[in-house]
């Protein structure tokens, strides 16, 4: 599908959250943004061929999800993962509106991190604020998250690394390398209860993908993220492939401006091997060690859940506050 046609097809969908949840940092993703990301993924050989399935981690109302469903090869699946029932309901309506139900599957699940060392998790799986003084300090520091490598979002970079979950205990009930490419527009971790969640989304995405990951992050965290991805996680072919500004409308009571532009990077991480990077998109298709789409669907059926997750945000709360 040509880019302009993809944009036009997405423009008819409901992208707004009627009652956005601040704890999930829910913001809409524009049709233009979703179309350009998936078009780029196709041009890079990460989607659009036989054997190339996709997963939208934190699909929200489903803009990236539907865009992916339009560009995958016939017979391939796109999986939408989210924890919010309301967002999932809208995403399902959007999928049905464009008659793509046959190739889309939903998983209701929530990305999780290790508890913050200053407290324990509350009933929702968030780190509790047992240190109120520290919480206030983290909130202020969020405006400069990632600069100089000292802080990422609203907590120190070292704490973010310590809280990451690198295996299947990250809350997503799917096997490693279960899809070809993962796309995600994660919450930025602005709120102290959500600090570092953007990095955990990225880590989980690299676990699920067998070829590539596309993820949005604040420009201020670029140096920290790229260094960690390349050196700590072992994915040297990781780059910022686009720089953009998210125009975020006033969505919550504490927002003071009608809208706010936030500088954002689109990061592409190549997690496959050199052969697949050279264009052999089918290399994993007959590999018995890789989980195919049928087994992914079985995993979904076993969980008893079918729905989307947390956020299709476009910026951080503090950026507007």
C-alpha atoms as a PDB file:
ATOM      1  CA  UNK A   1       0.000   0.000   0.000  1.00  0.00           C
ATOM      2  CA  UNK A   2       1.332   3.436  -0.924  1.00  0.00           C
ATOM      3  CA  UNK A   3       2.084   5.879   1.885  1.00  0.00           C
ATOM      4  CA  UNK A   4      -0.641   8.377   1.026  1.00  0.00           C
ATOM      5  CA  UNK A   5      -3.227   5.598   0.835  1.00  0.00           C
ATOM      6  CA  UNK A   6      -2.078   4.225   4.184  1.00  0.00           C
ATOM      7  CA  UNK A   7      -2.433   7.649   5.793  1.00  0.00           C
ATOM      8  CA  UNK A   8      -5.904   8.066   4.306  1.00  0.00           C
ATOM      9  CA  UNK A   9      -6.997   4.652   5.583  1.00  0.00           C
ATOM     10  CA  UNK A  10      -5.800   5.435   9.109  1.00  0.00           C
ATOM     11  CA  UNK A  11      -7.370   8.892   9.186  1.00  0.00           C
ATOM     12  CA  UNK A  12     -10.864   7.403   9.445  1.00  0.00           C
ATOM     13  CA  UNK A  13     -10.079   5.635  12.726  1.00  0.00           C
ATOM     14  CA  UNK A  14     -10.692   6.780  16.283  1.00  0.00           C
ATOM     15  CA  UNK A  15      -7.277   7.573  17.706  1.00  0.00           C
ATOM     16  CA  UNK A  16      -8.276   9.557  20.810  1.00  0.00           C
ATOM     17  CA  UNK A  17      -8.699   8.097  24.278  1.00  0.00           C
ATOM     18  CA  UNK A  18     -12.157   9.239  25.499  1.00  0.00           C
ATOM     19  CA  UNK A  19     -11.032   9.082  29.131  1.00  0.00           C
ATOM     20  CA  UNK A  20      -7.196   8.856  29.103  1.00  0.00           C
ATOM     21  CA  UNK A  21      -5.581   7.305  32.158  1.00  0.00           C
ATOM     22  CA  UNK A  22      -2.714   9.375  33.496  1.00  0.00           C
ATOM     23  CA  UNK A  23      -1.066   6.383  35.177  1.00  0.00           C
ATOM     24  CA  UNK A  24      -0.715   4.781  31.737  1.00  0.00           C
ATOM     25  CA  UNK A  25       0.414   8.038  30.106  1.00  0.00           C
ATOM     26  CA  UNK A  26      -2.113   7.626  27.334  1.00  0.00           C
ATOM     27  CA  UNK A  27      -1.775   9.964  24.351  1.00  0.00           C
ATOM     28  CA  UNK A  28      -2.974   9.457  20.761  1.00  0.00           C
ATOM     29  CA  UNK A  29      -0.722   8.498  17.856  1.00  0.00           C
ATOM     30  CA  UNK A  30      -1.401  10.388  14.637  1.00  0.00           C
ATOM     31  CA  UNK A  31      -2.257   8.634  11.349  1.00  0.00           C
ATOM     32  CA  UNK A  32       0.669  10.377   9.632  1.00  0.00           C
ATOM     33  CA  UNK A  33       3.151   9.156  12.226  1.00  0.00           C
ATOM     34  CA  UNK A  34       1.869   5.576  12.179  1.00  0.00           C
ATOM     35  CA  UNK A  35       1.857   5.452   8.382  1.00  0.00           C
ATOM     36  CA  UNK A  36       5.400   6.759   8.031  1.00  0.00           C
ATOM     37  CA  UNK A  37       6.826   4.336  10.613  1.00  0.00           C
ATOM     38  CA  UNK A  38       5.304   1.264   8.992  1.00  0.00           C
ATOM     39  CA  UNK A  39       6.166   2.470   5.504  1.00  0.00           C
ATOM     40  CA  UNK A  40       9.765   2.855   6.632  1.00  0.00           C
ATOM     41  CA  UNK A  41       9.749  -0.647   8.143  1.00  0.00           C
ATOM     42  CA  UNK A  42       8.574  -2.086   4.830  1.00  0.00           C
ATOM     43  CA  UNK A  43      11.269  -0.198   2.910  1.00  0.00           C
ATOM     44  CA  UNK A  44      13.926  -1.548   5.289  1.00  0.00           C
ATOM     45  CA  UNK A  45      12.734  -5.119   4.700  1.00  0.00           C
ATOM     46  CA  UNK A  46      11.458  -5.537   8.264  1.00  0.00           C
ATOM     47  CA  UNK A  47       7.834  -6.134   7.224  1.00  0.00           C
ATOM     48  CA  UNK A  48       5.788  -6.864   4.125  1.00  0.00           C
ATOM     49  CA  UNK A  49       7.177 -10.256   3.086  1.00  0.00           C
ATOM     50  CA  UNK A  50       6.169 -13.840   3.720  1.00  0.00           C
ATOM     51  CA  UNK A  51       7.034 -14.977   7.233  1.00  0.00           C
ATOM     52  CA  UNK A  52       7.136 -11.442   8.655  1.00  0.00           C
ATOM     53  CA  UNK A  53       4.609 -11.013  11.443  1.00  0.00           C
ATOM     54  CA  UNK A  54       4.373  -7.944  13.676  1.00  0.00           C
ATOM     55  CA  UNK A  55       3.505  -7.007  17.251  1.00  0.00           C
ATOM     56  CA  UNK A  56       2.437  -3.620  18.615  1.00  0.00           C
ATOM     57  CA  UNK A  57       3.517  -3.451  22.263  1.00  0.00           C
ATOM     58  CA  UNK A  58       1.239  -1.038  24.102  1.00  0.00           C
ATOM     59  CA  UNK A  59      -1.097  -0.675  21.157  1.00  0.00           C
ATOM     60  CA  UNK A  60      -3.587   1.678  22.810  1.00  0.00           C
ATOM     61  CA  UNK A  61      -6.317   2.589  20.317  1.00  0.00           C
ATOM     62  CA  UNK A  62      -4.478   0.680  17.595  1.00  0.00           C
ATOM     63  CA  UNK A  63      -3.005   3.203  15.157  1.00  0.00           C
ATOM     64  CA  UNK A  64       0.347   1.435  14.713  1.00  0.00           C
ATOM     65  CA  UNK A  65      -1.447  -1.907  14.966  1.00  0.00           C
ATOM     66  CA  UNK A  66      -3.817  -1.175  12.077  1.00  0.00           C
ATOM     67  CA  UNK A  67      -1.027   0.358  10.001  1.00  0.00           C
ATOM     68  CA  UNK A  68       0.959  -2.850  10.453  1.00  0.00           C
ATOM     69  CA  UNK A  69      -2.083  -4.951   9.512  1.00  0.00           C
ATOM     70  CA  UNK A  70      -2.336  -3.043   6.236  1.00  0.00           C
ATOM     71  CA  UNK A  71       1.288  -3.703   5.242  1.00  0.00           C
ATOM     72  CA  UNK A  72       1.938  -7.307   6.335  1.00  0.00           C
ATOM     73  CA  UNK A  73       1.847 -10.023   3.714  1.00  0.00           C
ATOM     74  CA  UNK A  74      -1.455 -11.844   3.307  1.00  0.00           C
ATOM     75  CA  UNK A  75      -1.595 -14.742   5.742  1.00  0.00           C
ATOM     76  CA  UNK A  76       0.645 -13.091   8.353  1.00  0.00           C
ATOM     77  CA  UNK A  77      -0.578 -11.893  11.752  1.00  0.00           C
ATOM     78  CA  UNK A  78      -0.294  -8.668  13.725  1.00  0.00           C
ATOM     79  CA  UNK A  79      -0.566  -8.888  17.514  1.00  0.00           C
ATOM     80  CA  UNK A  80      -1.761  -6.023  19.688  1.00  0.00           C
ATOM     81  CA  UNK A  81      -0.703  -6.099  23.339  1.00  0.00           C
ATOM     82  CA  UNK A  82      -2.200  -3.750  25.932  1.00  0.00           C
ATOM     83  CA  UNK A  83      -3.391  -3.752  29.523  1.00  0.00           C
ATOM     84  CA  UNK A  84      -6.300  -1.306  29.259  1.00  0.00           C
ATOM     85  CA  UNK A  85      -9.761  -2.671  28.485  1.00  0.00           C
ATOM     86  CA  UNK A  86     -11.078   0.662  27.240  1.00  0.00           C
ATOM     87  CA  UNK A  87      -8.194   1.150  24.812  1.00  0.00           C
ATOM     88  CA  UNK A  88      -8.501  -2.417  23.620  1.00  0.00           C
ATOM     89  CA  UNK A  89     -12.185  -1.981  22.912  1.00  0.00           C
ATOM     90  CA  UNK A  90     -11.438   1.013  20.668  1.00  0.00           C
ATOM     91  CA  UNK A  91      -8.582  -0.833  18.962  1.00  0.00           C
ATOM     92  CA  UNK A  92     -10.904  -3.741  18.186  1.00  0.00           C
ATOM     93  CA  UNK A  93     -13.506  -1.361  16.739  1.00  0.00           C
ATOM     94  CA  UNK A  94     -10.826   0.238  14.575  1.00  0.00           C
ATOM     95  CA  UNK A  95      -9.697  -3.148  13.285  1.00  0.00           C
ATOM     96  CA  UNK A  96     -13.277  -4.122  12.491  1.00  0.00           C
ATOM     97  CA  UNK A  97     -13.897  -0.765  10.793  1.00  0.00           C
ATOM     98  CA  UNK A  98     -11.263  -1.564   8.165  1.00  0.00           C
ATOM     99  CA  UNK A  99     -12.166  -5.284   7.961  1.00  0.00           C
ATOM    100  CA  UNK A 100      -8.810  -6.591   9.185  1.00  0.00           C
ATOM    101  CA  UNK A 101     -10.061  -8.919  11.933  1.00  0.00           C
ATOM    102  CA  UNK A 102      -8.692 -11.997  10.187  1.00  0.00           C
ATOM    103  CA  UNK A 103      -5.074 -10.948  10.594  1.00  0.00           C
ATOM    104  CA  UNK A 104      -5.159  -9.227  14.010  1.00  0.00           C
ATOM    105  CA  UNK A 105      -4.965 -10.888  17.408  1.00  0.00           C
ATOM    106  CA  UNK A 106      -5.103  -9.195  20.820  1.00  0.00           C
ATOM    107  CA  UNK A 107      -3.335 -10.025  24.067  1.00  0.00           C
ATOM    108  CA  UNK A 108      -4.293  -8.336  27.316  1.00  0.00           C
ATOM    109  CA  UNK A 109      -1.131  -8.020  29.387  1.00  0.00           C
ATOM    110  CA  UNK A 110       0.919  -5.397  31.190  1.00  0.00           C
ATOM    111  CA  UNK A 111       4.645  -4.768  30.895  1.00  0.00           C
ATOM    112  CA  UNK A 112       6.204  -4.866  34.343  1.00  0.00           C
ATOM    113  CA  UNK A 113       9.517  -4.000  35.997  1.00  0.00           C
ATOM    114  CA  UNK A 114      11.195  -4.986  39.233  1.00  0.00           C
ATOM    115  CA  UNK A 115       9.916  -2.970  42.217  1.00  0.00           C
ATOM    116  CA  UNK A 116      11.652   0.267  43.065  1.00  0.00           C
ATOM    117  CA  UNK A 117      14.243  -0.315  45.766  1.00  0.00           C
ATOM    118  CA  UNK A 118      12.801   2.512  47.881  1.00  0.00           C
ATOM    119  CA  UNK A 119       9.501   0.675  48.233  1.00  0.00           C
ATOM    120  CA  UNK A 120       7.416  -2.274  47.147  1.00  0.00           C
ATOM    121  CA  UNK A 121       4.817  -2.668  44.437  1.00  0.00           C
ATOM    122  CA  UNK A 122       1.238  -1.617  45.073  1.00  0.00           C
ATOM    123  CA  UNK A 123      -1.785  -3.654  44.012  1.00  0.00           C
ATOM    124  CA  UNK A 124      -1.536  -2.420  40.419  1.00  0.00           C
ATOM    125  CA  UNK A 125       2.100  -3.520  40.071  1.00  0.00           C
ATOM    126  CA  UNK A 126       3.475   0.012  40.438  1.00  0.00           C
ATOM    127  CA  UNK A 127       6.336   0.826  42.833  1.00  0.00           C
ATOM    128  CA  UNK A 128       4.845   2.409  45.943  1.00  0.00           C
ATOM    129  CA  UNK A 129       5.947   5.814  47.143  1.00  0.00           C
ATOM    130  CA  UNK A 130       7.336   5.045  50.561  1.00  0.00           C
ATOM    131  CA  UNK A 131       9.913   7.817  50.251  1.00  0.00           C
ATOM    132  CA  UNK A 132       7.876  10.946  49.610  1.00  0.00           C
ATOM    133  CA  UNK A 133      10.859  13.235  49.707  1.00  0.00           C
ATOM    134  CA  UNK A 134      12.652  11.161  47.096  1.00  0.00           C
ATOM    135  CA  UNK A 135       9.517  11.063  45.003  1.00  0.00           C
ATOM    136  CA  UNK A 136       9.400  14.830  44.772  1.00  0.00           C
ATOM    137  CA  UNK A 137      13.034  14.983  43.742  1.00  0.00           C
ATOM    138  CA  UNK A 138      12.508  12.404  41.023  1.00  0.00           C
ATOM    139  CA  UNK A 139       9.584  14.393  39.676  1.00  0.00           C
ATOM    140  CA  UNK A 140      11.659  17.519  39.233  1.00  0.00           C
ATOM    141  CA  UNK A 141      14.517  15.628  37.681  1.00  0.00           C
ATOM    142  CA  UNK A 142      12.241  14.218  35.007  1.00  0.00           C
ATOM    143  CA  UNK A 143      12.494  17.405  32.950  1.00  0.00           C
ATOM    144  CA  UNK A 144      16.127  16.690  32.316  1.00  0.00           C
ATOM    145  CA  UNK A 145      15.945  12.881  32.197  1.00  0.00           C
ATOM    146  CA  UNK A 146      18.852  11.231  30.453  1.00  0.00           C
ATOM    147  CA  UNK A 147      21.085  14.281  30.030  1.00  0.00           C
ATOM    148  CA  UNK A 148      24.642  13.431  30.995  1.00  0.00           C
ATOM    149  CA  UNK A 149      23.603   9.855  31.739  1.00  0.00           C
ATOM    150  CA  UNK A 150      22.656  10.777  35.324  1.00  0.00           C
ATOM    151  CA  UNK A 151      18.903  10.332  35.085  1.00  0.00           C
ATOM    152  CA  UNK A 152      16.438   8.682  32.761  1.00  0.00           C
ATOM    153  CA  UNK A 153      12.947  10.089  33.089  1.00  0.00           C
ATOM    154  CA  UNK A 154      12.196  10.537  36.790  1.00  0.00           C
ATOM    155  CA  UNK A 155      14.793   8.230  38.329  1.00  0.00           C
ATOM    156  CA  UNK A 156      18.584   7.693  38.201  1.00  0.00           C
ATOM    157  CA  UNK A 157      19.884   5.750  35.202  1.00  0.00           C
ATOM    158  CA  UNK A 158      21.484   3.159  37.475  1.00  0.00           C
ATOM    159  CA  UNK A 159      18.126   2.437  39.130  1.00  0.00           C
ATOM    160  CA  UNK A 160      16.436   2.094  35.754  1.00  0.00           C
ATOM    161  CA  UNK A 161      19.004  -0.538  34.736  1.00  0.00           C
ATOM    162  CA  UNK A 162      18.659  -2.361  38.054  1.00  0.00           C
ATOM    163  CA  UNK A 163      14.876  -2.604  37.709  1.00  0.00           C
ATOM    164  CA  UNK A 164      14.831  -4.028  34.178  1.00  0.00           C
ATOM    165  CA  UNK A 165      13.502  -7.536  33.591  1.00  0.00           C
ATOM    166  CA  UNK A 166      15.370  -9.236  30.759  1.00  0.00           C
ATOM    167  CA  UNK A 167      13.387 -12.466  30.400  1.00  0.00           C
ATOM    168  CA  UNK A 168       9.834 -13.735  30.096  1.00  0.00           C
ATOM    169  CA  UNK A 169       8.958 -12.559  33.606  1.00  0.00           C
ATOM    170  CA  UNK A 170       8.269  -9.091  32.154  1.00  0.00           C
ATOM    171  CA  UNK A 171       4.507  -9.590  32.210  1.00  0.00           C
ATOM    172  CA  UNK A 172       4.026 -10.426  28.522  1.00  0.00           C
ATOM    173  CA  UNK A 173       2.983 -14.106  28.145  1.00  0.00           C
ATOM    174  CA  UNK A 174       4.656 -14.676  24.781  1.00  0.00           C
ATOM    175  CA  UNK A 175       7.803 -16.582  23.851  1.00  0.00           C
ATOM    176  CA  UNK A 176      11.097 -15.017  22.826  1.00  0.00           C
ATOM    177  CA  UNK A 177      11.466 -14.187  19.106  1.00  0.00           C
ATOM    178  CA  UNK A 178       7.774 -14.854  18.472  1.00  0.00           C
ATOM    179  CA  UNK A 179       7.360 -12.221  15.739  1.00  0.00           C
ATOM    180  CA  UNK A 180       9.555 -10.672  13.085  1.00  0.00           C
ATOM    181  CA  UNK A 181       9.208  -7.027  14.071  1.00  0.00           C
ATOM    182  CA  UNK A 182       7.907  -5.163  17.121  1.00  0.00           C
ATOM    183  CA  UNK A 183       6.660  -1.578  17.015  1.00  0.00           C
ATOM    184  CA  UNK A 184       5.965   0.384  20.185  1.00  0.00           C
ATOM    185  CA  UNK A 185       5.041   3.893  21.253  1.00  0.00           C
ATOM    186  CA  UNK A 186       5.638   3.377  24.987  1.00  0.00           C
ATOM    187  CA  UNK A 187       4.821   5.587  27.959  1.00  0.00           C
ATOM    188  CA  UNK A 188       7.819   7.834  28.614  1.00  0.00           C
ATOM    189  CA  UNK A 189       7.952   7.105  32.343  1.00  0.00           C
ATOM    190  CA  UNK A 190       7.311  10.697  33.375  1.00  0.00           C
ATOM    191  CA  UNK A 191       5.432   9.881  36.550  1.00  0.00           C
ATOM    192  CA  UNK A 192       7.507   8.557  39.449  1.00  0.00           C
ATOM    193  CA  UNK A 193       5.246   5.488  39.684  1.00  0.00           C
ATOM    194  CA  UNK A 194       6.081   4.743  36.035  1.00  0.00           C
ATOM    195  CA  UNK A 195       9.762   5.685  36.035  1.00  0.00           C
ATOM    196  CA  UNK A 196      11.844   3.631  33.593  1.00  0.00           C
ATOM    197  CA  UNK A 197       8.876   1.913  31.970  1.00  0.00           C
ATOM    198  CA  UNK A 198       9.895   3.224  28.529  1.00  0.00           C
ATOM    199  CA  UNK A 199      13.181   1.334  28.828  1.00  0.00           C
ATOM    200  CA  UNK A 200      11.417  -1.829  29.989  1.00  0.00           C
ATOM    201  CA  UNK A 201       9.086  -1.639  26.978  1.00  0.00           C
ATOM    202  CA  UNK A 202      12.156  -1.442  24.765  1.00  0.00           C
ATOM    203  CA  UNK A 203      13.831  -4.390  26.502  1.00  0.00           C
ATOM    204  CA  UNK A 204      10.687  -6.500  26.219  1.00  0.00           C
ATOM    205  CA  UNK A 205      10.381  -5.588  22.543  1.00  0.00           C
ATOM    206  CA  UNK A 206      13.918  -6.860  21.865  1.00  0.00           C
ATOM    207  CA  UNK A 207      12.970 -10.124  23.564  1.00  0.00           C
ATOM    208  CA  UNK A 208       9.885 -10.647  21.409  1.00  0.00           C
ATOM    209  CA  UNK A 209      11.347  -9.657  18.022  1.00  0.00           C
ATOM    210  CA  UNK A 210      13.560 -11.845  15.873  1.00  0.00           C
ATOM    211  CA  UNK A 211      14.526  -9.133  13.372  1.00  0.00           C
ATOM    212  CA  UNK A 212      13.804  -5.496  14.286  1.00  0.00           C
ATOM    213  CA  UNK A 213      12.277  -3.146  16.858  1.00  0.00           C
ATOM    214  CA  UNK A 214      10.929   0.367  16.263  1.00  0.00           C
ATOM    215  CA  UNK A 215      10.372   2.485  19.365  1.00  0.00           C
ATOM    216  CA  UNK A 216       9.761   6.152  20.228  1.00  0.00           C
ATOM    217  CA  UNK A 217      11.756   7.871  22.974  1.00  0.00           C
ATOM    218  CA  UNK A 218      12.484  11.364  24.205  1.00  0.00           C
ATOM    219  CA  UNK A 219      15.471  12.883  22.470  1.00  0.00           C
ATOM    220  CA  UNK A 220      16.990  13.722  25.851  1.00  0.00           C
ATOM    221  CA  UNK A 221      17.453   9.995  26.581  1.00  0.00           C
ATOM    222  CA  UNK A 222      19.193   9.220  23.267  1.00  0.00           C
ATOM    223  CA  UNK A 223      22.786   8.871  24.472  1.00  0.00           C
ATOM    224  CA  UNK A 224      21.862   6.708  27.446  1.00  0.00           C
ATOM    225  CA  UNK A 225      19.605   4.414  25.418  1.00  0.00           C
ATOM    226  CA  UNK A 226      21.930   3.865  22.467  1.00  0.00           C
ATOM    227  CA  UNK A 227      24.904   3.151  24.720  1.00  0.00           C
ATOM    228  CA  UNK A 228      22.885   0.639  26.754  1.00  0.00           C
ATOM    229  CA  UNK A 229      21.339  -1.054  23.699  1.00  0.00           C
ATOM    230  CA  UNK A 230      24.650  -1.403  21.885  1.00  0.00           C
ATOM    231  CA  UNK A 231      26.990  -2.222  24.763  1.00  0.00           C
ATOM    232  CA  UNK A 232      24.861  -3.771  27.525  1.00  0.00           C
ATOM    233  CA  UNK A 233      22.248  -5.556  25.431  1.00  0.00           C
ATOM    234  CA  UNK A 234      24.548  -6.484  22.551  1.00  0.00           C
ATOM    235  CA  UNK A 235      22.687  -4.927  19.590  1.00  0.00           C
ATOM    236  CA  UNK A 236      25.314  -2.760  17.834  1.00  0.00           C
ATOM    237  CA  UNK A 237      23.097  -2.034  14.814  1.00  0.00           C
ATOM    238  CA  UNK A 238      20.860   0.401  16.667  1.00  0.00           C
ATOM    239  CA  UNK A 239      20.273   3.918  15.407  1.00  0.00           C
ATOM    240  CA  UNK A 240      17.975   6.902  15.456  1.00  0.00           C
ATOM    241  CA  UNK A 241      16.268   6.653  12.077  1.00  0.00           C
ATOM    242  CA  UNK A 242      14.020   9.699  12.447  1.00  0.00           C
ATOM    243  CA  UNK A 243      13.761  12.812  14.581  1.00  0.00           C
ATOM    244  CA  UNK A 244      10.343  14.347  15.042  1.00  0.00           C
ATOM    245  CA  UNK A 245       8.220  16.570  17.198  1.00  0.00           C
ATOM    246  CA  UNK A 246       5.102  15.198  18.848  1.00  0.00           C
ATOM    247  CA  UNK A 247       2.320  17.761  19.035  1.00  0.00           C
ATOM    248  CA  UNK A 248       0.565  16.753  22.233  1.00  0.00           C
ATOM    249  CA  UNK A 249      -2.883  18.176  22.999  1.00  0.00           C
ATOM    250  CA  UNK A 250      -3.980  19.057  26.511  1.00  0.00           C
ATOM    251  CA  UNK A 251      -5.294  15.783  27.889  1.00  0.00           C
ATOM    252  CA  UNK A 252      -5.176  16.008  31.684  1.00  0.00           C
ATOM    253  CA  UNK A 253      -6.248  18.581  34.280  1.00  0.00           C
ATOM    254  CA  UNK A 254      -2.673  19.348  35.319  1.00  0.00           C
ATOM    255  CA  UNK A 255      -1.703  20.314  31.754  1.00  0.00           C
ATOM    256  CA  UNK A 256      -1.378  24.083  31.532  1.00  0.00           C
ATOM    257  CA  UNK A 257      -0.904  24.523  27.781  1.00  0.00           C
ATOM    258  CA  UNK A 258      -3.377  23.677  25.022  1.00  0.00           C
ATOM    259  CA  UNK A 259      -0.660  21.704  23.272  1.00  0.00           C
ATOM    260  CA  UNK A 260       3.051  21.017  23.511  1.00  0.00           C
ATOM    261  CA  UNK A 261       5.747  19.975  21.050  1.00  0.00           C
ATOM    262  CA  UNK A 262       8.148  17.339  22.352  1.00  0.00           C
ATOM    263  CA  UNK A 263      11.348  16.283  20.598  1.00  0.00           C
ATOM    264  CA  UNK A 264      11.265  12.535  20.004  1.00  0.00           C
ATOM    265  CA  UNK A 265      13.546   9.961  18.379  1.00  0.00           C
ATOM    266  CA  UNK A 266      12.408   6.913  16.448  1.00  0.00           C
ATOM    267  CA  UNK A 267      14.966   4.235  17.305  1.00  0.00           C
ATOM    268  CA  UNK A 268      15.417   1.132  15.157  1.00  0.00           C
ATOM    269  CA  UNK A 269      17.153  -1.856  16.727  1.00  0.00           C
ATOM    270  CA  UNK A 270      18.259  -4.723  14.511  1.00  0.00           C
ATOM    271  CA  UNK A 271      18.121  -7.876  16.655  1.00  0.00           C
ATOM    272  CA  UNK A 272      18.579 -10.515  13.910  1.00  0.00           C
ATOM    273  CA  UNK A 273      21.743 -11.778  12.257  1.00  0.00           C
ATOM    274  CA  UNK A 274      23.600 -10.382   9.256  1.00  0.00           C
ATOM    275  CA  UNK A 275      21.963 -12.797   6.823  1.00  0.00           C
ATOM    276  CA  UNK A 276      18.484 -11.608   7.727  1.00  0.00           C
ATOM    277  CA  UNK A 277      19.646  -8.001   7.558  1.00  0.00           C
ATOM    278  CA  UNK A 278      20.742  -8.614   3.990  1.00  0.00           C
ATOM    279  CA  UNK A 279      17.167  -9.409   3.063  1.00  0.00           C
ATOM    280  CA  UNK A 280      16.558 -13.084   3.857  1.00  0.00           C
ATOM    281  CA  UNK A 281      13.247 -12.454   5.567  1.00  0.00           C
ATOM    282  CA  UNK A 282      12.274 -16.126   5.587  1.00  0.00           C
ATOM    283  CA  UNK A 283      15.310 -17.439   7.449  1.00  0.00           C
ATOM    284  CA  UNK A 284      13.399 -18.171  10.638  1.00  0.00           C
ATOM    285  CA  UNK A 285      10.279 -19.541   9.018  1.00  0.00           C
ATOM    286  CA  UNK A 286      11.306 -23.203   9.163  1.00  0.00           C
ATOM    287  CA  UNK A 287      13.473 -22.963  12.253  1.00  0.00           C
ATOM    288  CA  UNK A 288      12.028 -25.338  14.896  1.00  0.00           C
ATOM    289  CA  UNK A 289      13.492 -23.153  17.622  1.00  0.00           C
ATOM    290  CA  UNK A 290      11.343 -20.179  16.598  1.00  0.00           C
ATOM    291  CA  UNK A 291       7.728 -19.865  17.658  1.00  0.00           C
ATOM    292  CA  UNK A 292       5.444 -19.352  14.675  1.00  0.00           C
ATOM    293  CA  UNK A 293       2.178 -17.466  14.594  1.00  0.00           C
ATOM    294  CA  UNK A 294       0.088 -20.569  15.342  1.00  0.00           C
ATOM    295  CA  UNK A 295       1.975 -21.192  18.563  1.00  0.00           C
ATOM    296  CA  UNK A 296       1.683 -17.524  19.479  1.00  0.00           C
ATOM    297  CA  UNK A 297      -2.073 -17.833  19.028  1.00  0.00           C
ATOM    298  CA  UNK A 298      -2.080 -20.950  21.229  1.00  0.00           C
ATOM    299  CA  UNK A 299      -0.237 -18.982  23.889  1.00  0.00           C
ATOM    300  CA  UNK A 300      -2.915 -16.282  23.658  1.00  0.00           C
ATOM    301  CA  UNK A 301      -5.681 -18.870  23.980  1.00  0.00           C
ATOM    302  CA  UNK A 302      -3.969 -20.381  27.019  1.00  0.00           C
ATOM    303  CA  UNK A 303      -3.946 -17.030  28.825  1.00  0.00           C
ATOM    304  CA  UNK A 304      -7.670 -16.600  28.272  1.00  0.00           C
ATOM    305  CA  UNK A 305      -7.113 -12.957  27.425  1.00  0.00           C
ATOM    306  CA  UNK A 306      -7.540 -11.144  24.152  1.00  0.00           C
ATOM    307  CA  UNK A 307      -6.883  -7.409  24.248  1.00  0.00           C
ATOM    308  CA  UNK A 308      -4.469  -4.490  23.848  1.00  0.00           C
ATOM    309  CA  UNK A 309      -2.184  -2.618  26.353  1.00  0.00           C
ATOM    310  CA  UNK A 310      -1.062   0.556  27.789  1.00  0.00           C
ATOM    311  CA  UNK A 311      -0.321   3.530  25.668  1.00  0.00           C
ATOM    312  CA  UNK A 312      -0.151   5.022  22.280  1.00  0.00           C
ATOM    313  CA  UNK A 313       1.156   8.170  23.827  1.00  0.00           C
ATOM    314  CA  UNK A 314       2.798  10.982  22.079  1.00  0.00           C
ATOM    315  CA  UNK A 315       4.644  12.716  24.884  1.00  0.00           C
ATOM    316  CA  UNK A 316       5.306  12.981  28.566  1.00  0.00           C
ATOM    317  CA  UNK A 317       3.047  14.481  31.154  1.00  0.00           C
ATOM    318  CA  UNK A 318       5.799  16.736  32.476  1.00  0.00           C
ATOM    319  CA  UNK A 319       6.379  18.154  29.050  1.00  0.00           C
ATOM    320  CA  UNK A 320       2.998  19.865  29.157  1.00  0.00           C
ATOM    321  CA  UNK A 321       2.687  20.433  32.870  1.00  0.00           C
END
